[in-house]
Structure formats: C-alpha cells, structure tokens
Amino acid sequence: MAIEMSTSYRAAVRTGLPHATIVVDHFQVVQLANKMLSTVRRRATPPHAADEDGPPTPGGGPDTDCCATART
C-alpha cells in the first residue's frame, strides 16, 4: 500500500492491514528531499548585500562590462 510519509498513516495501515507491504509515495520523498536541500543551501549560502545600483552584474562589479571588447 502506498502512503504519505506520516506516522499516523503508517499506524492506521498497520492496524487495519497488518500484513500489507507499505511503501512511501515517491512524490513525498522528492518533496522532502527538495525541502531539505533548500534548507542546507540557505544555511550554506551567505546573504547577499544588494548594490546601490541594483542587482549584481555578471562580471562581478558595477564597473565591469561583460560584453566590452578590448580597448586599443
């Protein structure tokens, strides 16, 4: 029987169907893994201070022009 990841669901199935094989719905597993990954990512990534001019540029700074050609 496929169930959600909840101890109350598992207990109810075990009571009503003691010989049933219990599996967890894969959506629930993926959802939990994504939540945990996001939690770790937020802890591991330092907060970003916004520049006065807006979002950061691809080159790294406000004076960097990522598409500029070499000046001669």
C-alpha atoms as a PDB file:
ATOM      1  CA  MET A   1       0.000   0.000   0.000  1.00  0.00           C
ATOM      2  CA  ALA A   2       1.419   3.412  -0.964  1.00  0.00           C
ATOM      3  CA  ILE A   3       1.005   6.048   1.737  1.00  0.00           C
ATOM      4  CA  GLU A   4       2.201   9.535   2.583  1.00  0.00           C
ATOM      5  CA  MET A   5       5.162   9.957   4.937  1.00  0.00           C
ATOM      6  CA  SER A   6       3.228  10.232   8.162  1.00  0.00           C
ATOM      7  CA  THR A   7       3.408   8.111  11.275  1.00  0.00           C
ATOM      8  CA  SER A   8      -0.369   8.334  11.721  1.00  0.00           C
ATOM      9  CA  TYR A   9      -0.994   6.905   8.229  1.00  0.00           C
ATOM     10  CA  ARG A  10       1.502   4.120   8.852  1.00  0.00           C
ATOM     11  CA  ALA A  11      -0.088   3.259  12.205  1.00  0.00           C
ATOM     12  CA  ALA A  12      -3.578   3.193  10.679  1.00  0.00           C
ATOM     13  CA  VAL A  13      -2.474   0.890   7.855  1.00  0.00           C
ATOM     14  CA  ARG A  14      -0.600  -1.382  10.259  1.00  0.00           C
ATOM     15  CA  THR A  15      -3.733  -1.646  12.409  1.00  0.00           C
ATOM     16  CA  GLY A  16      -6.176  -2.223   9.561  1.00  0.00           C
ATOM     17  CA  LEU A  17      -3.908  -4.209   7.224  1.00  0.00           C
ATOM     18  CA  PRO A  18      -1.209  -5.824   9.371  1.00  0.00           C
ATOM     19  CA  HIS A  19       0.246  -7.951   6.538  1.00  0.00           C
ATOM     20  CA  ALA A  20       0.295  -5.215   3.886  1.00  0.00           C
ATOM     21  CA  THR A  21       3.583  -4.058   2.401  1.00  0.00           C
ATOM     22  CA  ILE A  22       3.880  -0.322   2.957  1.00  0.00           C
ATOM     23  CA  VAL A  23       5.723   1.927   0.515  1.00  0.00           C
ATOM     24  CA  VAL A  24       6.008   5.704   0.515  1.00  0.00           C
ATOM     25  CA  ASP A  25       4.639   7.732  -2.368  1.00  0.00           C
ATOM     26  CA  HIS A  26       7.658   8.887  -4.412  1.00  0.00           C
ATOM     27  CA  PHE A  27       6.256  12.433  -4.648  1.00  0.00           C
ATOM     28  CA  GLN A  28       6.514  12.725  -0.859  1.00  0.00           C
ATOM     29  CA  VAL A  29      10.137  11.552  -0.864  1.00  0.00           C
ATOM     30  CA  VAL A  30      11.146  14.017  -3.606  1.00  0.00           C
ATOM     31  CA  GLN A  31       9.280  16.858  -1.889  1.00  0.00           C
ATOM     32  CA  LEU A  32      11.042  16.195   1.420  1.00  0.00           C
ATOM     33  CA  ALA A  33      14.444  15.916  -0.296  1.00  0.00           C
ATOM     34  CA  ASN A  34      13.888  19.271  -2.050  1.00  0.00           C
ATOM     35  CA  LYS A  35      12.892  20.950   1.215  1.00  0.00           C
ATOM     36  CA  MET A  36      15.976  19.622   2.991  1.00  0.00           C
ATOM     37  CA  LEU A  37      18.245  20.605   0.094  1.00  0.00           C
ATOM     38  CA  SER A  38      16.836  24.138   0.135  1.00  0.00           C
ATOM     39  CA  THR A  39      17.373  24.357   3.896  1.00  0.00           C
ATOM     40  CA  VAL A  40      21.015  23.318   3.577  1.00  0.00           C
ATOM     41  CA  ARG A  41      21.550  25.650   0.603  1.00  0.00           C
ATOM     42  CA  ARG A  42      20.147  28.625   2.532  1.00  0.00           C
ATOM     43  CA  ARG A  43      22.415  27.862   5.507  1.00  0.00           C
ATOM     44  CA  ALA A  44      25.496  27.395   3.330  1.00  0.00           C
ATOM     45  CA  THR A  45      24.979  30.483   1.147  1.00  0.00           C
ATOM     46  CA  PRO A  46      25.978  33.798   2.744  1.00  0.00           C
ATOM     47  CA  PRO A  47      23.451  36.616   2.492  1.00  0.00           C
ATOM     48  CA  HIS A  48      23.992  38.923  -0.469  1.00  0.00           C
ATOM     49  CA  ALA A  49      24.100  42.652   0.132  1.00  0.00           C
ATOM     50  CA  ALA A  50      22.391  44.415  -2.782  1.00  0.00           C
ATOM     51  CA  ASP A  51      24.410  47.057  -4.610  1.00  0.00           C
ATOM     52  CA  GLU A  52      23.100  50.599  -4.627  1.00  0.00           C
ATOM     53  CA  ASP A  53      22.684  50.374  -8.402  1.00  0.00           C
ATOM     54  CA  GLY A  54      20.591  47.192  -8.350  1.00  0.00           C
ATOM     55  CA  PRO A  55      21.308  43.535  -8.907  1.00  0.00           C
ATOM     56  CA  PRO A  56      24.868  42.274  -9.334  1.00  0.00           C
ATOM     57  CA  THR A  57      26.369  42.294 -12.811  1.00  0.00           C
ATOM     58  CA  PRO A  58      27.700  39.124 -14.447  1.00  0.00           C
ATOM     59  CA  GLY A  59      31.285  40.437 -14.308  1.00  0.00           C
ATOM     60  CA  GLY A  60      31.156  40.939 -10.576  1.00  0.00           C
ATOM     61  CA  GLY A  61      31.147  44.684 -10.105  1.00  0.00           C
ATOM     62  CA  PRO A  62      29.381  47.854 -11.256  1.00  0.00           C
ATOM     63  CA  ASP A  63      32.394  48.969 -13.319  1.00  0.00           C
ATOM     64  CA  THR A  64      32.746  45.669 -15.138  1.00  0.00           C
ATOM     65  CA  ASP A  65      31.363  45.475 -18.651  1.00  0.00           C
ATOM     66  CA  CYS A  66      30.990  41.813 -19.503  1.00  0.00           C
ATOM     67  CA  CYS A  67      30.464  42.491 -23.200  1.00  0.00           C
ATOM     68  CA  ALA A  68      33.165  45.099 -23.782  1.00  0.00           C
ATOM     69  CA  THR A  69      35.791  44.494 -26.426  1.00  0.00           C
ATOM     70  CA  ALA A  70      39.469  45.085 -25.809  1.00  0.00           C
ATOM     71  CA  ARG A  71      40.313  48.768 -25.964  1.00  0.00           C
ATOM     72  CA  THR A  72      43.265  49.802 -28.047  1.00  0.00           C
END
